[in-house]
Amino acid sequence: MFQYTQFAFSHRRKVVTVRIRRQEITAAYLFLAPFLITLLIFFVYATVRAVIFSFSNYNLFNLDPNYSGEDPFRWVGLLNYLNLFKEELFLIALRNSIIFAFIVTSVQTFGALVMAAALNTKIRGLDFFRAAYYMPSITSSVVITLIFMWMYQRRGVFNYLSTQLLSYLPLIAVFFAILLIAQLLQVFIERRRGLPAGWFDPALFVVSFLLALAGTWLLNISGVIVPREIVPVDFIWLQTRQEVPAAFPTFLRAAVPLIAIMIQNIFTTIPTFMLMFLAALQDVPKSQYEAASLDGASPVQQFFYITIPAVQPVTFLVITLGLIGTLQMFDQVAIFGSAVPLRSVITLAFFVYNRMFPGAQTPEVGFAAAAAIFLAALTLLVVLIQRRFIRSEAQ
């Protein structure tokens, strides 16, 4: 009797456990339902349709005069993919996308890490600087692009600052020359006195900076070194097809308007990745930096031998997100629009949009779908390649 009661109790407990588990699973799926439905419709279904369209000549309007049926869909196999590499504009877009992704991802990753390392120190007004540096990331992309378009005009901010830099270049050169000489002399004197003075000693640097500032000011007011009179810089940033560097092969050169978009993109994305690196740096033990300082490691050595290895998993995430974002860059090219030659800035994402919505012409849905699938495959391939060189998990 006791064994039967124990068996019945155990069976009932299992039934209740299974029922509770089913209720929990049902509740989880109900909460996930909006996301899952959206994912199925706008990603899975859309991706499958795009793959199917890429093997067809589907054009949305069935305007093919040689086709005598009502179904606008006609299977063409790999023809669209083969025609991609016969299209000159597609090859230009591919080159632009690869150059854009490589340069922007490299610069923004290193810049974000340096900025995070600088903001990870205890300085006065740290919260203000963190908020100020993050502002470009939360500002509208359209607004930022329009501001940069104004700055890139022939009489814009960039050309004005370039003019001022060239005009005051003699004074700047004298300032840095005095700064270097004063720093070297101070370090030499301190070491002759038996004191451990470093080349980048902050206290000595402040003295050298003040001496350089005073010396440059005296030379300026005495008329020995004065700003130069030069013709205002009239560099064309947007309305040009010029490619640089001119000495490089064609497939390694970037058009000047594309470089202008690179500068803007780097400016707006560095703060976002800075926060990721900053969060990772919070977990790096301070004792490692203290031990390195006691061993005589400079801040630069600490950065390369402690900071970079410690945040390598986050570096993998930042590079992955950067590659995906840059390879699929679209909005800034679309906003620049007719202000720049299309060949100079077109990317793969904009090429897909341009063929899918060509204005008054017939949409080439199959051709655009093939380009979109190629872009997705290229993005996946690039991410897998960089995964082999950067570890994604802490060891």
Protein backbone atom coordinates (compact mmCIF):
# COMPACT_ATOMS: atom_id res chain seq x y z
CA MET A 1 0.00 0.00 0.00
CA PHE A 2 2.82 2.36 0.86
CA GLN A 3 4.64 1.64 -2.40
CA TYR A 4 1.45 2.26 -4.39
CA THR A 5 0.91 5.60 -2.62
CA GLN A 6 4.52 6.59 -3.25
CA PHE A 7 4.21 5.66 -6.94
CA ALA A 8 0.96 7.62 -7.30
CA PHE A 9 2.49 10.66 -5.62
CA SER A 10 5.58 10.49 -7.83
CA HIS A 11 3.46 10.11 -10.97
CA ARG A 12 1.27 13.06 -9.98
CA ARG A 13 4.35 15.19 -9.32
CA LYS A 14 5.71 14.37 -12.78
CA VAL A 15 2.38 15.27 -14.38
CA VAL A 16 2.28 18.59 -12.55
CA THR A 17 5.91 19.30 -13.52
CA VAL A 18 5.21 18.58 -17.18
CA ARG A 19 2.09 20.75 -17.07
CA ILE A 20 3.99 23.66 -15.50
CA ARG A 21 6.78 23.27 -18.06
CA ARG A 22 4.29 23.33 -20.92
CA GLN A 23 2.68 26.45 -19.49
CA GLU A 24 6.07 28.14 -19.22
CA ILE A 25 6.95 27.20 -22.81
CA THR A 26 3.56 28.42 -24.03
CA ALA A 27 3.99 31.72 -22.18
CA ALA A 28 7.49 32.12 -23.63
CA TYR A 29 6.25 31.57 -27.18
CA LEU A 30 3.38 34.02 -26.62
CA PHE A 31 5.84 36.70 -25.54
CA LEU A 32 8.12 35.87 -28.49
CA ALA A 33 5.27 35.66 -31.00
CA PRO A 34 5.41 39.30 -32.22
CA PHE A 35 9.15 39.05 -32.82
CA LEU A 36 8.95 35.58 -34.40
CA ILE A 37 6.10 36.59 -36.73
CA THR A 38 7.99 39.72 -37.79
CA LEU A 39 11.15 37.66 -38.32
CA LEU A 40 9.33 35.05 -40.41
CA ILE A 41 7.57 37.62 -42.61
CA PHE A 42 10.22 40.29 -43.09
CA PHE A 43 13.36 38.14 -42.97
CA VAL A 44 12.77 34.45 -43.67
CA TYR A 45 9.96 34.89 -46.18
CA ALA A 46 11.61 37.94 -47.78
CA THR A 47 14.96 36.13 -48.05
CA VAL A 48 13.39 33.06 -49.66
CA ARG A 49 11.50 35.26 -52.13
CA ALA A 50 14.68 37.18 -52.95
CA VAL A 51 16.56 33.94 -53.63
CA ILE A 52 13.77 32.75 -55.92
CA PHE A 53 13.58 36.10 -57.72
CA SER A 54 17.36 36.06 -58.26
CA PHE A 55 16.90 33.07 -60.60
CA SER A 56 14.14 34.77 -62.59
CA ASN A 57 13.48 37.78 -64.79
CA TYR A 58 10.67 39.05 -62.56
CA ASN A 59 10.04 42.76 -63.18
CA LEU A 60 6.88 43.58 -61.18
CA PHE A 61 5.04 44.92 -64.23
CA ASN A 62 5.34 42.15 -66.82
CA LEU A 63 6.44 44.54 -69.56
CA ASP A 64 8.44 42.03 -71.57
CA PRO A 65 6.97 42.23 -75.12
CA ASN A 66 8.48 38.85 -76.03
CA TYR A 67 6.64 37.04 -73.27
CA SER A 68 3.08 35.98 -74.15
CA GLY A 69 1.79 34.85 -70.77
CA GLU A 70 0.20 36.43 -67.73
CA ASP A 71 2.76 35.18 -65.23
CA PRO A 72 5.57 37.77 -65.00
CA PHE A 73 7.89 35.16 -63.46
CA ARG A 74 10.24 33.28 -65.81
CA TRP A 75 13.11 31.06 -64.69
CA VAL A 76 16.55 32.11 -66.05
CA GLY A 77 18.87 30.10 -63.80
CA LEU A 78 22.26 31.68 -63.06
CA LEU A 79 21.96 34.26 -65.82
CA ASN A 80 21.42 37.17 -63.40
CA TYR A 81 24.52 36.23 -61.38
CA LEU A 82 26.61 35.94 -64.54
CA ASN A 83 25.35 39.29 -65.80
CA LEU A 84 26.39 40.95 -62.54
CA PHE A 85 30.05 40.60 -63.41
CA LYS A 86 29.41 41.93 -66.91
CA GLU A 87 27.90 45.12 -65.46
CA GLU A 88 30.54 47.83 -65.11
CA LEU A 89 28.56 49.76 -62.48
CA PHE A 90 28.28 46.63 -60.33
CA LEU A 91 32.06 46.11 -60.41
CA ILE A 92 32.57 49.75 -59.42
CA ALA A 93 30.07 49.32 -56.58
CA LEU A 94 31.87 46.16 -55.45
CA ARG A 95 35.23 47.95 -55.42
CA ASN A 96 33.78 50.95 -53.56
CA SER A 97 32.11 48.71 -50.96
CA ILE A 98 35.27 46.71 -50.24
CA ILE A 99 37.48 49.81 -49.99
CA PHE A 100 34.90 51.57 -47.84
CA ALA A 101 34.50 48.57 -45.50
CA PHE A 102 38.25 48.02 -45.07
CA ILE A 103 39.21 51.65 -44.40
CA VAL A 104 36.23 52.65 -42.26
CA THR A 105 36.23 49.48 -40.14
CA SER A 106 39.97 49.73 -39.48
CA VAL A 107 39.94 53.43 -38.56
CA GLN A 108 36.76 53.37 -36.49
CA THR A 109 37.87 50.29 -34.52
CA PHE A 110 41.25 51.75 -33.61
CA GLY A 111 39.80 55.21 -32.97
CA ALA A 112 37.05 53.82 -30.72
CA LEU A 113 39.58 51.81 -28.72
CA VAL A 114 41.89 54.81 -28.25
CA MET A 115 38.98 57.04 -27.23
CA ALA A 116 37.69 54.41 -24.78
CA ALA A 117 41.14 54.05 -23.23
CA ALA A 118 41.36 57.84 -22.82
CA LEU A 119 37.90 58.03 -21.21
CA ASN A 120 38.66 55.10 -18.91
CA THR A 121 41.01 57.27 -16.84
CA LYS A 122 39.93 59.37 -13.89
CA ILE A 123 39.84 62.98 -15.05
CA ARG A 124 37.76 65.98 -14.07
CA GLY A 125 34.51 66.23 -16.04
CA LEU A 126 34.67 62.63 -17.27
CA ASP A 127 30.88 62.25 -17.49
CA PHE A 128 30.63 65.37 -19.66
CA PHE A 129 33.26 64.13 -22.10
CA ARG A 130 31.62 60.71 -22.35
CA ALA A 131 28.25 62.28 -23.12
CA ALA A 132 29.74 64.81 -25.56
CA TYR A 133 31.66 62.17 -27.52
CA TYR A 134 28.53 60.01 -27.79
CA MET A 135 26.33 62.78 -29.21
CA PRO A 136 27.15 62.12 -32.92
CA SER A 137 25.82 58.55 -32.60
CA ILE A 138 22.38 59.58 -31.38
CA THR A 139 21.99 62.45 -33.84
CA SER A 140 19.92 61.80 -36.95
CA SER A 141 21.97 60.38 -39.81
CA VAL A 142 20.15 62.66 -42.23
CA VAL A 143 20.98 65.75 -40.19
CA ILE A 144 24.64 64.76 -39.84
CA THR A 145 24.89 64.08 -43.58
CA LEU A 146 23.39 67.45 -44.49
CA ILE A 147 25.78 69.20 -42.11
CA PHE A 148 28.76 67.45 -43.66
CA MET A 149 27.51 68.28 -47.16
CA TRP A 150 27.55 71.94 -46.15
CA MET A 151 31.05 71.55 -44.68
CA TYR A 152 32.28 69.92 -47.90
CA GLN A 153 31.30 72.84 -50.12
CA ARG A 154 34.07 74.65 -51.97
CA ARG A 155 33.78 77.53 -49.49
CA GLY A 156 32.89 75.25 -46.60
CA VAL A 157 34.48 74.57 -43.25
CA PHE A 158 36.98 71.96 -44.43
CA ASN A 159 38.51 74.17 -47.10
CA TYR A 160 38.51 77.14 -44.70
CA LEU A 161 40.36 75.16 -42.02
CA SER A 162 42.81 73.87 -44.64
CA THR A 163 43.50 77.45 -45.72
CA GLN A 164 44.13 78.55 -42.15
CA LEU A 165 46.38 75.54 -41.51
CA LEU A 166 48.55 76.30 -44.53
CA SER A 167 48.64 79.98 -43.63
CA TYR A 168 49.81 79.38 -40.05
CA LEU A 169 52.03 76.42 -40.93
CA PRO A 170 55.31 78.33 -40.21
CA LEU A 171 54.10 79.22 -36.72
CA ILE A 172 52.92 75.66 -36.10
CA ALA A 173 56.27 74.26 -37.25
CA VAL A 174 58.19 76.66 -34.97
CA PHE A 175 55.92 75.77 -32.03
CA PHE A 176 56.56 72.04 -32.37
CA ALA A 177 60.28 72.59 -32.94
CA ILE A 178 60.59 74.59 -29.72
CA LEU A 179 58.42 72.02 -27.90
CA LEU A 180 60.66 69.15 -29.01
CA ILE A 181 63.91 70.94 -28.21
CA ALA A 182 62.68 72.04 -24.77
CA GLN A 183 61.48 68.53 -23.91
CA LEU A 184 64.75 66.93 -25.00
CA LEU A 185 66.81 69.45 -23.03
CA GLN A 186 64.76 68.97 -19.87
CA VAL A 187 64.98 65.17 -20.04
CA PHE A 188 68.74 65.39 -20.67
CA ILE A 189 69.26 67.74 -17.69
CA GLU A 190 67.10 65.63 -15.35
CA ARG A 191 68.95 62.45 -16.30
CA ARG A 192 72.33 64.17 -15.79
CA ARG A 193 71.10 64.92 -12.28
CA GLY A 194 70.36 61.23 -11.76
CA LEU A 195 66.58 61.56 -11.87
CA PRO A 196 64.44 58.98 -13.80
CA ALA A 197 62.87 61.34 -16.36
CA GLY A 198 60.88 59.83 -19.24
CA TRP A 199 60.62 61.26 -22.74
CA PHE A 200 56.87 61.82 -22.25
CA ASP A 201 57.00 62.98 -18.64
CA PRO A 202 53.78 65.01 -18.07
CA ALA A 203 55.37 67.60 -15.77
CA LEU A 204 58.21 68.29 -18.17
CA PHE A 205 55.80 68.35 -21.08
CA VAL A 206 53.74 71.12 -19.46
CA VAL A 207 56.88 73.24 -19.07
CA SER A 208 57.93 72.52 -22.67
CA PHE A 209 54.45 73.44 -23.91
CA LEU A 210 54.48 76.77 -22.09
CA LEU A 211 57.98 77.56 -23.36
CA ALA A 212 56.97 76.70 -26.94
CA LEU A 213 53.83 78.84 -26.67
CA ALA A 214 55.75 81.82 -25.29
CA GLY A 215 58.57 81.47 -27.81
CA THR A 216 56.19 81.24 -30.77
CA TRP A 217 54.25 84.29 -29.54
CA LEU A 218 57.44 86.36 -29.15
CA LEU A 219 58.65 85.40 -32.63
CA ASN A 220 55.26 86.30 -34.06
CA ILE A 221 54.88 89.74 -32.49
CA SER A 222 58.49 90.57 -33.35
CA GLY A 223 57.78 89.82 -37.01
CA VAL A 224 60.37 87.04 -37.32
CA ILE A 225 57.75 84.37 -38.09
CA VAL A 226 54.38 85.52 -39.45
CA PRO A 227 51.44 83.77 -41.16
CA ARG A 228 51.74 83.35 -44.91
CA GLU A 229 49.48 84.98 -47.47
CA ILE A 230 48.12 82.13 -49.59
CA VAL A 231 45.33 81.59 -52.06
CA PRO A 232 42.25 80.09 -50.33
CA VAL A 233 42.04 76.33 -50.72
CA ASP A 234 39.48 75.43 -53.38
CA PHE A 235 39.50 71.66 -53.13
CA ILE A 236 36.48 69.94 -54.71
CA TRP A 237 35.07 67.33 -52.35
CA LEU A 238 31.79 66.36 -54.00
CA GLN A 239 31.39 67.28 -57.69
CA THR A 240 34.37 65.27 -58.91
CA ARG A 241 35.45 61.83 -60.08
CA GLN A 242 39.04 62.31 -58.95
CA GLU A 243 40.53 59.22 -57.31
CA VAL A 244 43.33 59.08 -54.77
CA PRO A 245 46.09 58.06 -54.29
CA ALA A 246 46.85 58.54 -57.98
CA ALA A 247 49.98 56.34 -57.80
CA PHE A 248 47.98 53.29 -56.70
CA PRO A 249 46.38 50.79 -59.11
CA THR A 250 42.79 51.53 -60.10
CA PHE A 251 41.26 48.85 -57.87
CA LEU A 252 43.00 50.34 -54.81
CA ARG A 253 42.04 53.98 -55.42
CA ALA A 254 39.04 55.67 -53.80
CA ALA A 255 37.09 58.57 -55.25
CA VAL A 256 37.24 61.82 -53.30
CA PRO A 257 33.44 61.92 -52.68
CA LEU A 258 33.66 58.38 -51.26
CA ILE A 259 36.45 59.52 -48.93
CA ALA A 260 34.19 62.37 -47.81
CA ILE A 261 31.51 59.83 -46.88
CA MET A 262 34.15 57.75 -45.08
CA ILE A 263 35.09 60.71 -42.89
CA GLN A 264 31.47 61.31 -41.98
CA ASN A 265 30.81 57.63 -41.29
CA ILE A 266 33.86 57.33 -39.04
CA PHE A 267 32.81 60.46 -37.15
CA THR A 268 29.35 59.04 -36.40
CA THR A 269 30.25 55.41 -35.63
CA ILE A 270 33.32 55.77 -33.40
CA PRO A 271 31.25 56.88 -30.34
CA THR A 272 28.99 53.80 -30.53
CA PHE A 273 31.90 51.38 -30.57
CA MET A 274 33.66 53.49 -27.95
CA LEU A 275 30.93 52.54 -25.46
CA MET A 276 31.48 48.84 -26.16
CA PHE A 277 35.21 49.13 -25.57
CA LEU A 278 34.63 51.29 -22.51
CA ALA A 279 32.38 48.62 -20.99
CA ALA A 280 35.07 45.99 -21.67
CA LEU A 281 37.82 48.14 -20.15
CA GLN A 282 35.86 48.39 -16.90
CA ASP A 283 36.53 44.67 -16.36
CA VAL A 284 40.30 44.90 -16.89
CA PRO A 285 41.97 44.72 -13.44
CA LYS A 286 43.71 47.95 -12.49
CA SER A 287 46.43 45.87 -10.86
CA GLN A 288 47.74 44.91 -14.31
CA TYR A 289 48.35 48.56 -15.21
CA GLU A 290 49.87 49.25 -11.77
CA ALA A 291 52.24 46.30 -12.10
CA ALA A 292 53.22 47.39 -15.61
CA SER A 293 53.91 50.91 -14.38
CA LEU A 294 56.14 49.59 -11.60
CA ASP A 295 58.05 47.59 -14.22
CA GLY A 296 58.65 50.78 -16.20
CA ALA A 297 56.07 50.27 -19.00
CA SER A 298 55.02 53.47 -20.74
CA PRO A 299 51.33 54.28 -21.40
CA VAL A 300 51.84 53.31 -25.04
CA GLN A 301 53.29 49.93 -24.06
CA GLN A 302 50.44 49.37 -21.60
CA PHE A 303 47.96 50.11 -24.38
CA PHE A 304 49.45 47.57 -26.80
CA TYR A 305 50.35 44.82 -24.32
CA ILE A 306 47.48 45.05 -21.80
CA THR A 307 44.52 46.96 -23.24
CA ILE A 308 44.37 45.44 -26.74
CA PRO A 309 44.72 41.76 -25.62
CA ALA A 310 42.18 42.28 -22.81
CA VAL A 311 39.44 43.57 -25.10
CA GLN A 312 40.06 41.20 -28.02
CA PRO A 313 36.63 39.50 -27.75
CA VAL A 314 34.94 42.91 -27.91
CA THR A 315 37.24 43.81 -30.81
CA PHE A 316 35.82 40.82 -32.69
CA LEU A 317 32.28 42.09 -32.06
CA VAL A 318 33.16 45.65 -33.10
CA ILE A 319 34.88 44.53 -36.29
CA THR A 320 31.99 42.21 -37.14
CA LEU A 321 29.39 44.94 -36.66
CA GLY A 322 31.61 47.40 -38.53
CA LEU A 323 32.01 45.10 -41.53
CA ILE A 324 28.30 44.37 -41.70
CA GLY A 325 27.40 48.05 -41.42
CA THR A 326 29.96 49.30 -43.93
CA LEU A 327 29.30 46.62 -46.54
CA GLN A 328 25.59 47.47 -46.36
CA MET A 329 26.11 51.25 -46.27
CA PHE A 330 23.23 52.92 -48.10
CA ASP A 331 21.66 55.94 -46.42
CA GLN A 332 24.54 58.38 -46.78
CA VAL A 333 24.99 57.61 -50.48
CA ALA A 334 21.26 58.07 -51.01
CA ILE A 335 21.25 61.40 -49.14
CA PHE A 336 24.24 62.75 -51.07
CA GLY A 337 22.19 61.92 -54.16
CA SER A 338 22.73 64.13 -57.18
CA ALA A 339 25.35 66.24 -55.37
CA VAL A 340 28.02 63.72 -56.37
CA PRO A 341 28.71 61.55 -59.44
CA LEU A 342 27.03 58.17 -58.94
CA ARG A 343 30.09 56.19 -60.04
CA SER A 344 32.19 57.85 -57.33
CA VAL A 345 30.08 56.78 -54.36
CA ILE A 346 27.84 53.89 -55.43
CA THR A 347 27.97 50.87 -53.13
CA LEU A 348 26.45 47.41 -53.45
CA ALA A 349 23.46 48.30 -51.27
CA PHE A 350 22.71 51.40 -53.30
CA PHE A 351 23.22 49.43 -56.53
CA VAL A 352 20.49 47.01 -55.40
CA TYR A 353 18.17 49.92 -54.58
CA ASN A 354 18.97 51.67 -57.86
CA ARG A 355 18.04 48.60 -59.91
CA MET A 356 14.98 47.79 -57.81
CA PHE A 357 13.60 51.35 -57.91
CA PRO A 358 15.09 52.93 -61.05
CA GLY A 359 12.60 55.78 -61.30
CA ALA A 360 10.85 55.92 -64.67
CA GLN A 361 12.54 52.75 -65.96
CA THR A 362 11.36 49.17 -65.53
CA PRO A 363 12.48 47.60 -62.24
CA GLU A 364 14.92 44.72 -62.69
CA VAL A 365 13.77 42.69 -59.71
CA GLY A 366 15.62 39.50 -60.64
CA PHE A 367 18.88 41.35 -61.31
CA ALA A 368 18.56 43.39 -58.10
CA ALA A 369 17.75 40.26 -56.08
CA ALA A 370 20.86 38.55 -57.44
CA ALA A 371 22.96 41.56 -56.37
CA ALA A 372 21.33 41.49 -52.92
CA ILE A 373 22.07 37.78 -52.45
CA PHE A 374 25.65 38.36 -53.59
CA LEU A 375 25.99 41.18 -51.02
CA ALA A 376 24.66 38.91 -48.26
CA ALA A 377 27.07 36.13 -49.24
CA LEU A 378 29.99 38.57 -49.42
CA THR A 379 29.18 39.93 -45.95
CA LEU A 380 29.04 36.41 -44.50
CA LEU A 381 32.32 35.46 -46.18
CA VAL A 382 34.16 38.53 -44.92
CA VAL A 383 32.93 37.98 -41.34
CA LEU A 384 33.98 34.30 -41.44
CA ILE A 385 37.44 35.25 -42.74
CA GLN A 386 38.08 37.80 -40.01
CA ARG A 387 36.83 35.30 -37.42
CA ARG A 388 39.84 33.13 -38.23
CA PHE A 389 42.22 35.94 -37.26
CA ILE A 390 40.49 37.40 -34.17
CA ARG A 391 39.24 35.24 -31.34
CA SER A 392 35.64 35.88 -30.29
CA GLU A 393 35.92 34.48 -26.76
CA ALA A 394 38.14 35.24 -23.83
CA GLN A 395 40.82 32.66 -23.11
